[in-house]
C-alpha atoms as a PDB file:
ATOM      1  CA  MET A   1      91.446  86.254  94.832  1.00  0.00           C
ATOM      2  CA  ALA A   2      90.116  86.181  98.388  1.00  0.00           C
ATOM      3  CA  ILE A   3      88.409  82.792  98.364  1.00  0.00           C
ATOM      4  CA  CYS A   4      90.950  80.703  96.424  1.00  0.00           C
ATOM      5  CA  PRO A   5      93.668  80.583  99.157  1.00  0.00           C
ATOM      6  CA  ALA A   6      91.129  79.274 101.701  1.00  0.00           C
ATOM      7  CA  ILE A   7      89.747  76.689  99.274  1.00  0.00           C
ATOM      8  CA  VAL A   8      93.186  75.411  98.324  1.00  0.00           C
ATOM      9  CA  GLY A   9      94.383  75.382 101.945  1.00  0.00           C
ATOM     10  CA  ALA A  10      91.296  73.432 103.068  1.00  0.00           C
ATOM     11  CA  PHE A  11      91.733  70.925 100.233  1.00  0.00           C
ATOM     12  CA  LEU A  12      95.405  70.357 101.048  1.00  0.00           C
ATOM     13  CA  ALA A  13      94.611  69.989 104.757  1.00  0.00           C
ATOM     14  CA  TRP A  14      91.948  67.402 103.918  1.00  0.00           C
ATOM     15  CA  ARG A  15      94.230  65.529 101.527  1.00  0.00           C
ATOM     16  CA  THR A  16      97.018  65.359 104.115  1.00  0.00           C
ATOM     17  CA  HIS A  17      95.169  64.791 107.396  1.00  0.00           C
ATOM     18  CA  GLY A  18      91.489  64.271 106.639  1.00  0.00           C
ATOM     19  CA  THR A  19      88.246  65.934 107.713  1.00  0.00           C
ATOM     20  CA  SER A  20      89.373  66.758 111.254  1.00  0.00           C
ATOM     21  CA  ALA A  21      92.226  68.842 109.845  1.00  0.00           C
ATOM     22  CA  VAL A  22      89.770  70.851 107.744  1.00  0.00           C
ATOM     23  CA  ARG A  23      87.696  71.650 110.828  1.00  0.00           C
ATOM     24  CA  ALA A  24      90.825  72.723 112.709  1.00  0.00           C
ATOM     25  CA  PHE A  25      91.913  74.746 109.675  1.00  0.00           C
ATOM     26  CA  PHE A  26      88.731  76.838 109.671  1.00  0.00           C
ATOM     27  CA  ARG A  27      88.591  77.102 113.481  1.00  0.00           C
ATOM     28  CA  SER A  28      92.034  78.718 113.423  1.00  0.00           C
ATOM     29  CA  ALA A  29      90.493  81.783 111.765  1.00  0.00           C
ATOM     30  CA  VAL A  30      88.512  82.688 114.898  1.00  0.00           C
ATOM     31  CA  HIS A  31      91.050  81.788 117.603  1.00  0.00           C
ATOM     32  CA  PHE A  32      91.688  85.125 119.297  1.00  0.00           C
ATOM     33  CA  VAL A  33      90.694  84.796 122.972  1.00  0.00           C
ATOM     34  CA  ASP A  34      94.260  84.452 124.262  1.00  0.00           C
ATOM     35  CA  MET A  35      95.928  86.889 121.861  1.00  0.00           C
ATOM     36  CA  ARG A  36      98.472  89.055 123.655  1.00  0.00           C
ATOM     37  CA  LEU A  37      97.904  92.794 123.972  1.00  0.00           C
ATOM     38  CA  TRP A  38     100.908  93.716 121.826  1.00  0.00           C
ATOM     39  CA  VAL A  39      99.595  91.481 119.025  1.00  0.00           C
ATOM     40  CA  TRP A  40      96.275  93.355 119.075  1.00  0.00           C
ATOM     41  CA  LEU A  41      98.083  96.699 119.034  1.00  0.00           C
ATOM     42  CA  VAL A  42     100.329  95.761 116.121  1.00  0.00           C
ATOM     43  CA  ALA A  43      97.503  94.178 114.115  1.00  0.00           C
ATOM     44  CA  VAL A  44      95.110  97.083 114.595  1.00  0.00           C
ATOM     45  CA  GLY A  45      97.472 100.041 114.750  1.00  0.00           C
ATOM     46  CA  THR A  46     100.294  99.486 112.263  1.00  0.00           C
ATOM     47  CA  MET A  47      98.601 100.367 108.991  1.00  0.00           C
ATOM     48  CA  PRO A  48      96.568 103.346 110.279  1.00  0.00           C
ATOM     49  CA  LEU A  49      99.841 104.747 111.650  1.00  0.00           C
ATOM     50  CA  VAL A  50     101.631 104.112 108.350  1.00  0.00           C
ATOM     51  CA  MET A  51      98.911 105.897 106.393  1.00  0.00           C
ATOM     52  CA  PHE A  52      98.898 108.798 108.852  1.00  0.00           C
ATOM     53  CA  VAL A  53     102.667 109.231 108.458  1.00  0.00           C
ATOM     54  CA  SER A  54     102.259 109.008 104.677  1.00  0.00           C
ATOM     55  CA  GLY A  55      99.712 111.829 104.826  1.00  0.00           C
ATOM     56  CA  VAL A  56     102.042 113.962 106.941  1.00  0.00           C
ATOM     57  CA  ILE A  57     104.885 113.412 104.464  1.00  0.00           C
ATOM     58  CA  LEU A  58     102.721 114.251 101.449  1.00  0.00           C
ATOM     59  CA  PHE A  59     101.398 117.358 103.176  1.00  0.00           C
ATOM     60  CA  GLY A  60     104.966 118.393 104.021  1.00  0.00           C
ATOM     61  CA  LEU A  61     105.943 117.957 100.380  1.00  0.00           C
ATOM     62  CA  GLY A  62     103.199 120.352  99.341  1.00  0.00           C
ATOM     63  CA  GLU A  63     100.612 117.840  98.150  1.00  0.00           C
ATOM     64  CA  SER A  64      97.035 119.076  98.269  1.00  0.00           C
ATOM     65  CA  LEU A  65      95.044 116.514 100.258  1.00  0.00           C
ATOM     66  CA  PRO A  66      91.289 116.732 100.795  1.00  0.00           C
ATOM     67  CA  ALA A  67      89.917 116.573 104.299  1.00  0.00           C
ATOM     68  CA  PRO A  68      89.226 112.984 105.400  1.00  0.00           C
ATOM     69  CA  GLU A  69      85.608 111.894 105.190  1.00  0.00           C
ATOM     70  CA  ILE A  70      85.257 109.198 107.841  1.00  0.00           C
ATOM     71  CA  ARG A  71      81.712 108.025 108.442  1.00  0.00           C
ATOM     72  CA  PHE A  72      81.284 105.546 111.287  1.00  0.00           C
ATOM     73  CA  GLY A  73      78.663 103.362 109.617  1.00  0.00           C
ATOM     74  CA  GLN A  74      80.522 103.234 106.319  1.00  0.00           C
ATOM     75  CA  THR A  75      83.781 102.400 108.108  1.00  0.00           C
ATOM     76  CA  VAL A  76      82.177  99.540 110.024  1.00  0.00           C
ATOM     77  CA  VAL A  77      80.759  98.065 106.816  1.00  0.00           C
ATOM     78  CA  LEU A  78      84.107  98.428 105.039  1.00  0.00           C
ATOM     79  CA  PHE A  79      85.906  96.726 107.907  1.00  0.00           C
ATOM     80  CA  ALA A  80      83.413  93.847 108.001  1.00  0.00           C
ATOM     81  CA  LEU A  81      83.733  93.223 104.255  1.00  0.00           C
ATOM     82  CA  PHE A  82      87.502  93.548 104.259  1.00  0.00           C
ATOM     83  CA  PHE A  83      87.841  91.324 107.317  1.00  0.00           C
ATOM     84  CA  LEU A  84      85.807  88.537 105.714  1.00  0.00           C
ATOM     85  CA  ALA A  85      87.916  88.743 102.547  1.00  0.00           C
ATOM     86  CA  ALA A  86      91.146  88.950 104.566  1.00  0.00           C
ATOM     87  CA  THR A  87      90.162  85.894 106.603  1.00  0.00           C
ATOM     88  CA  ALA A  88      89.639  83.854 103.446  1.00  0.00           C
ATOM     89  CA  GLU A  89      93.026  84.923 102.104  1.00  0.00           C
ATOM     90  CA  GLU A  90      94.898  84.495 105.371  1.00  0.00           C
ATOM     91  CA  LEU A  91      93.518  81.003 105.954  1.00  0.00           C
ATOM     92  CA  GLY A  92      95.572  80.008 102.925  1.00  0.00           C
ATOM     93  CA  TRP A  93      98.579  82.323 103.060  1.00  0.00           C
ATOM     94  CA  THR A  94      99.008  82.265 106.841  1.00  0.00           C
ATOM     95  CA  GLY A  95      97.041  79.306 108.141  1.00  0.00           C
ATOM     96  CA  TYR A  96      98.467  76.781 105.697  1.00  0.00           C
ATOM     97  CA  VAL A  97     101.587  78.107 103.960  1.00  0.00           C
ATOM     98  CA  THR A  98     103.427  80.276 106.486  1.00  0.00           C
ATOM     99  CA  LEU A  99     104.433  77.825 109.216  1.00  0.00           C
ATOM    100  CA  PRO A 100     106.076  75.143 107.036  1.00  0.00           C
ATOM    101  CA  LEU A 101     107.726  77.784 104.850  1.00  0.00           C
ATOM    102  CA  VAL A 102     109.191  79.572 107.884  1.00  0.00           C
ATOM    103  CA  GLN A 103     110.494  76.288 109.265  1.00  0.00           C
ATOM    104  CA  LYS A 104     112.192  75.478 105.954  1.00  0.00           C
ATOM    105  CA  GLN A 105     113.311  78.888 104.657  1.00  0.00           C
ATOM    106  CA  GLY A 106     113.126  81.311 107.584  1.00  0.00           C
ATOM    107  CA  MET A 107     110.810  84.165 108.464  1.00  0.00           C
ATOM    108  CA  ILE A 108     112.110  86.855 106.099  1.00  0.00           C
ATOM    109  CA  VAL A 109     112.353  84.533 103.105  1.00  0.00           C
ATOM    110  CA  ALA A 110     108.846  83.244 103.820  1.00  0.00           C
ATOM    111  CA  GLY A 111     107.554  86.812 103.832  1.00  0.00           C
ATOM    112  CA  LEU A 112     109.343  87.587 100.578  1.00  0.00           C
ATOM    113  CA  VAL A 113     107.990  84.469  98.868  1.00  0.00           C
ATOM    114  CA  ILE A 114     104.383  84.784 100.046  1.00  0.00           C
ATOM    115  CA  GLY A 115     104.396  88.550  99.532  1.00  0.00           C
ATOM    116  CA  GLY A 116     105.808  88.151  96.035  1.00  0.00           C
ATOM    117  CA  VAL A 117     103.168  85.596  95.064  1.00  0.00           C
ATOM    118  CA  ALA A 118     100.400  87.743  96.564  1.00  0.00           C
ATOM    119  CA  ALA A 119     101.679  90.758  94.633  1.00  0.00           C
ATOM    120  CA  ILE A 120     101.735  88.836  91.334  1.00  0.00           C
ATOM    121  CA  TRP A 121      98.198  87.700  92.231  1.00  0.00           C
ATOM    122  CA  HIS A 122      97.105  91.357  91.971  1.00  0.00           C
ATOM    123  CA  VAL A 123      98.992  92.510  88.854  1.00  0.00           C
ATOM    124  CA  ILE A 124      96.247  91.836  86.312  1.00  0.00           C
ATOM    125  CA  PRO A 125      93.516  93.616  88.341  1.00  0.00           C
ATOM    126  CA  LEU A 126      95.864  96.591  88.828  1.00  0.00           C
ATOM    127  CA  LEU A 127      96.579  96.763  85.097  1.00  0.00           C
ATOM    128  CA  GLN A 128      92.844  96.544  84.419  1.00  0.00           C
ATOM    129  CA  VAL A 129      92.299  99.723  86.459  1.00  0.00           C
ATOM    130  CA  GLU A 130      95.145 101.354  84.501  1.00  0.00           C
ATOM    131  CA  ARG A 131      97.775 101.625  87.213  1.00  0.00           C
ATOM    132  CA  SER A 132     101.204 102.567  85.866  1.00  0.00           C
ATOM    133  CA  TYR A 133     104.136 100.164  86.028  1.00  0.00           C
ATOM    134  CA  SER A 134     105.919 102.409  88.529  1.00  0.00           C
ATOM    135  CA  TRP A 135     102.775 102.547  90.712  1.00  0.00           C
ATOM    136  CA  ILE A 136     102.561  98.746  90.667  1.00  0.00           C
ATOM    137  CA  ALA A 137     106.290  98.412  91.453  1.00  0.00           C
ATOM    138  CA  TRP A 138     106.075 100.598  94.559  1.00  0.00           C
ATOM    139  CA  TRP A 139     102.793  98.967  95.589  1.00  0.00           C
ATOM    140  CA  THR A 140     104.528  95.588  95.275  1.00  0.00           C
ATOM    141  CA  ILE A 141     107.320  96.696  97.607  1.00  0.00           C
ATOM    142  CA  GLY A 142     104.741  97.824 100.142  1.00  0.00           C
ATOM    143  CA  THR A 143     102.794  94.577  99.758  1.00  0.00           C
ATOM    144  CA  VAL A 144     105.877  92.444 100.343  1.00  0.00           C
ATOM    145  CA  CYS A 145     106.779  94.562 103.381  1.00  0.00           C
ATOM    146  CA  ARG A 146     103.296  94.071 104.811  1.00  0.00           C
ATOM    147  CA  ARG A 147     103.571  90.339 104.279  1.00  0.00           C
ATOM    148  CA  ILE A 148     106.906  90.180 106.097  1.00  0.00           C
ATOM    149  CA  LEU A 149     105.290  91.988 109.025  1.00  0.00           C
ATOM    150  CA  ILE A 150     102.315  89.602 108.966  1.00  0.00           C
ATOM    151  CA  VAL A 151     104.645  86.598 108.963  1.00  0.00           C
ATOM    152  CA  TRP A 152     106.604  88.097 111.871  1.00  0.00           C
ATOM    153  CA  LEU A 153     103.371  88.821 113.758  1.00  0.00           C
ATOM    154  CA  TYR A 154     102.199  85.257 113.205  1.00  0.00           C
ATOM    155  CA  VAL A 155     105.498  83.664 114.172  1.00  0.00           C
ATOM    156  CA  LYS A 156     106.130  85.774 117.283  1.00  0.00           C
ATOM    157  CA  GLY A 157     102.519  86.362 118.304  1.00  0.00           C
ATOM    158  CA  GLY A 158     101.351  82.838 119.005  1.00  0.00           C
ATOM    159  CA  GLN A 159     100.462  81.677 115.476  1.00  0.00           C
ATOM    160  CA  ARG A 160      97.079  83.379 115.291  1.00  0.00           C
ATOM    161  CA  VAL A 161      95.476  83.556 111.838  1.00  0.00           C
ATOM    162  CA  PHE A 162      93.007  86.012 113.336  1.00  0.00           C
ATOM    163  CA  ALA A 163      95.854  88.493 113.960  1.00  0.00           C
ATOM    164  CA  ALA A 164      97.002  88.197 110.341  1.00  0.00           C
ATOM    165  CA  SER A 165      93.454  88.757 109.098  1.00  0.00           C
ATOM    166  CA  LEU A 166      93.063  91.776 111.365  1.00  0.00           C
ATOM    167  CA  PHE A 167      96.331  93.309 110.128  1.00  0.00           C
ATOM    168  CA  HIS A 168      95.299  92.632 106.526  1.00  0.00           C
ATOM    169  CA  ALA A 169      91.821  94.114 106.956  1.00  0.00           C
ATOM    170  CA  MET A 170      93.091  97.214 108.745  1.00  0.00           C
ATOM    171  CA  GLY A 171      95.487  97.797 105.865  1.00  0.00           C
ATOM    172  CA  ASN A 172      92.626  97.793 103.386  1.00  0.00           C
ATOM    173  CA  VAL A 173      90.416 100.001 105.569  1.00  0.00           C
ATOM    174  CA  SER A 174      93.269 102.473 106.122  1.00  0.00           C
ATOM    175  CA  TRP A 175      93.874 102.650 102.383  1.00  0.00           C
ATOM    176  CA  MET A 176      90.208 103.273 101.633  1.00  0.00           C
ATOM    177  CA  LEU A 177      90.021 106.072 104.207  1.00  0.00           C
ATOM    178  CA  PHE A 178      93.155 107.805 102.916  1.00  0.00           C
ATOM    179  CA  PRO A 179      91.482 110.389 102.341  1.00  0.00           C
ATOM    180  CA  VAL A 180      88.221 109.885 100.527  1.00  0.00           C
ATOM    181  CA  MET A 181      88.139 106.249  99.373  1.00  0.00           C
ATOM    182  CA  GLY A 182      91.849 105.918  98.665  1.00  0.00           C
ATOM    183  CA  SER A 183      91.865 108.650  96.057  1.00  0.00           C
ATOM    184  CA  HIS A 184      95.201 110.076  97.231  1.00  0.00           C
ATOM    185  CA  TYR A 185      96.927 106.875  98.292  1.00  0.00           C
ATOM    186  CA  ASP A 186     100.652 107.129  97.553  1.00  0.00           C
ATOM    187  CA  PRO A 187     102.443 103.763  97.132  1.00  0.00           C
ATOM    188  CA  VAL A 188     105.909 105.389  97.190  1.00  0.00           C
ATOM    189  CA  SER A 189     105.725 106.955 100.645  1.00  0.00           C
ATOM    190  CA  THR A 190     103.780 103.967 101.987  1.00  0.00           C
ATOM    191  CA  ALA A 191     106.428 101.509 100.809  1.00  0.00           C
ATOM    192  CA  ILE A 192     109.285 103.605 102.201  1.00  0.00           C
ATOM    193  CA  ILE A 193     107.561 103.925 105.591  1.00  0.00           C
ATOM    194  CA  LEU A 194     106.887 100.165 105.735  1.00  0.00           C
ATOM    195  CA  LEU A 195     110.538  99.428 105.065  1.00  0.00           C
ATOM    196  CA  VAL A 196     111.387 100.910 108.482  1.00  0.00           C
ATOM    197  CA  PRO A 197     109.596  98.295 110.646  1.00  0.00           C
ATOM    198  CA  VAL A 198     110.655  95.544 108.243  1.00  0.00           C
ATOM    199  CA  LEU A 199     114.322  96.472 108.634  1.00  0.00           C
ATOM    200  CA  LEU A 200     113.798  96.671 112.395  1.00  0.00           C
ATOM    201  CA  VAL A 201     112.224  93.214 112.479  1.00  0.00           C
ATOM    202  CA  ALA A 202     114.997  91.819 110.292  1.00  0.00           C
ATOM    203  CA  SER A 203     117.710  93.323 112.492  1.00  0.00           C
ATOM    204  CA  ILE A 204     116.159  91.972 115.695  1.00  0.00           C
ATOM    205  CA  SER A 205     114.884  88.563 114.593  1.00  0.00           C
ATOM    206  CA  GLY A 206     116.862  87.909 111.429  1.00  0.00           C
ATOM    207  CA  ASN A 207     115.707  85.102 109.164  1.00  0.00           C
ATOM    208  CA  THR A 208     114.689  82.979 112.120  1.00  0.00           C
ATOM    209  CA  ARG A 209     113.133  79.568 111.691  1.00  0.00           C
ATOM    210  CA  ASN A 210     112.119  79.343 115.341  1.00  0.00           C
ATOM    211  CA  ILE A 211     108.394  79.409 116.020  1.00  0.00           C
ATOM    212  CA  GLY A 212     107.398  81.036 119.296  1.00  0.00           C
END
């Protein structure tokens, strides 16, 4: 699931513009030197904040949550693995697909389309680990919301694949640390919380096709 988007994106770049386009395609994954501060903050901080708020809500509703077990070394390894996987995915979803889709269909529609495809991409693995249909439905809503935010971050943040990969990886790390290897992750509260910034982005930017 992680490698296929990068492989397909690289192949399509080569077929359209040749070898130089493939080199530029992979270089885009590590272009971060001139990323603006707010892009860093959104990419790194959004999903940890979402998971923290989810924990507060669950605690307020009377859920019994274990104490978080955050080990520095383990967290660094998790982030490194998730970031590599996220980079491979985002090279395809963000580096190749997002820009032309936004220009043709708009930012929100692009997020809905890419998020929907990415969610379908995960259905079989989720069924294999015996997730319920309702769990998958709420997880899908959250996934689509995250994709809309990634598209917005890419469009408004200087078209940096690195930022999308960072957002993606932080989402996976935050899930795994909630608390104790994702054992108490709640897709319902997470999806509802994510709807708030998505609605805010939609109200401010609308379904813009402008890249900037």
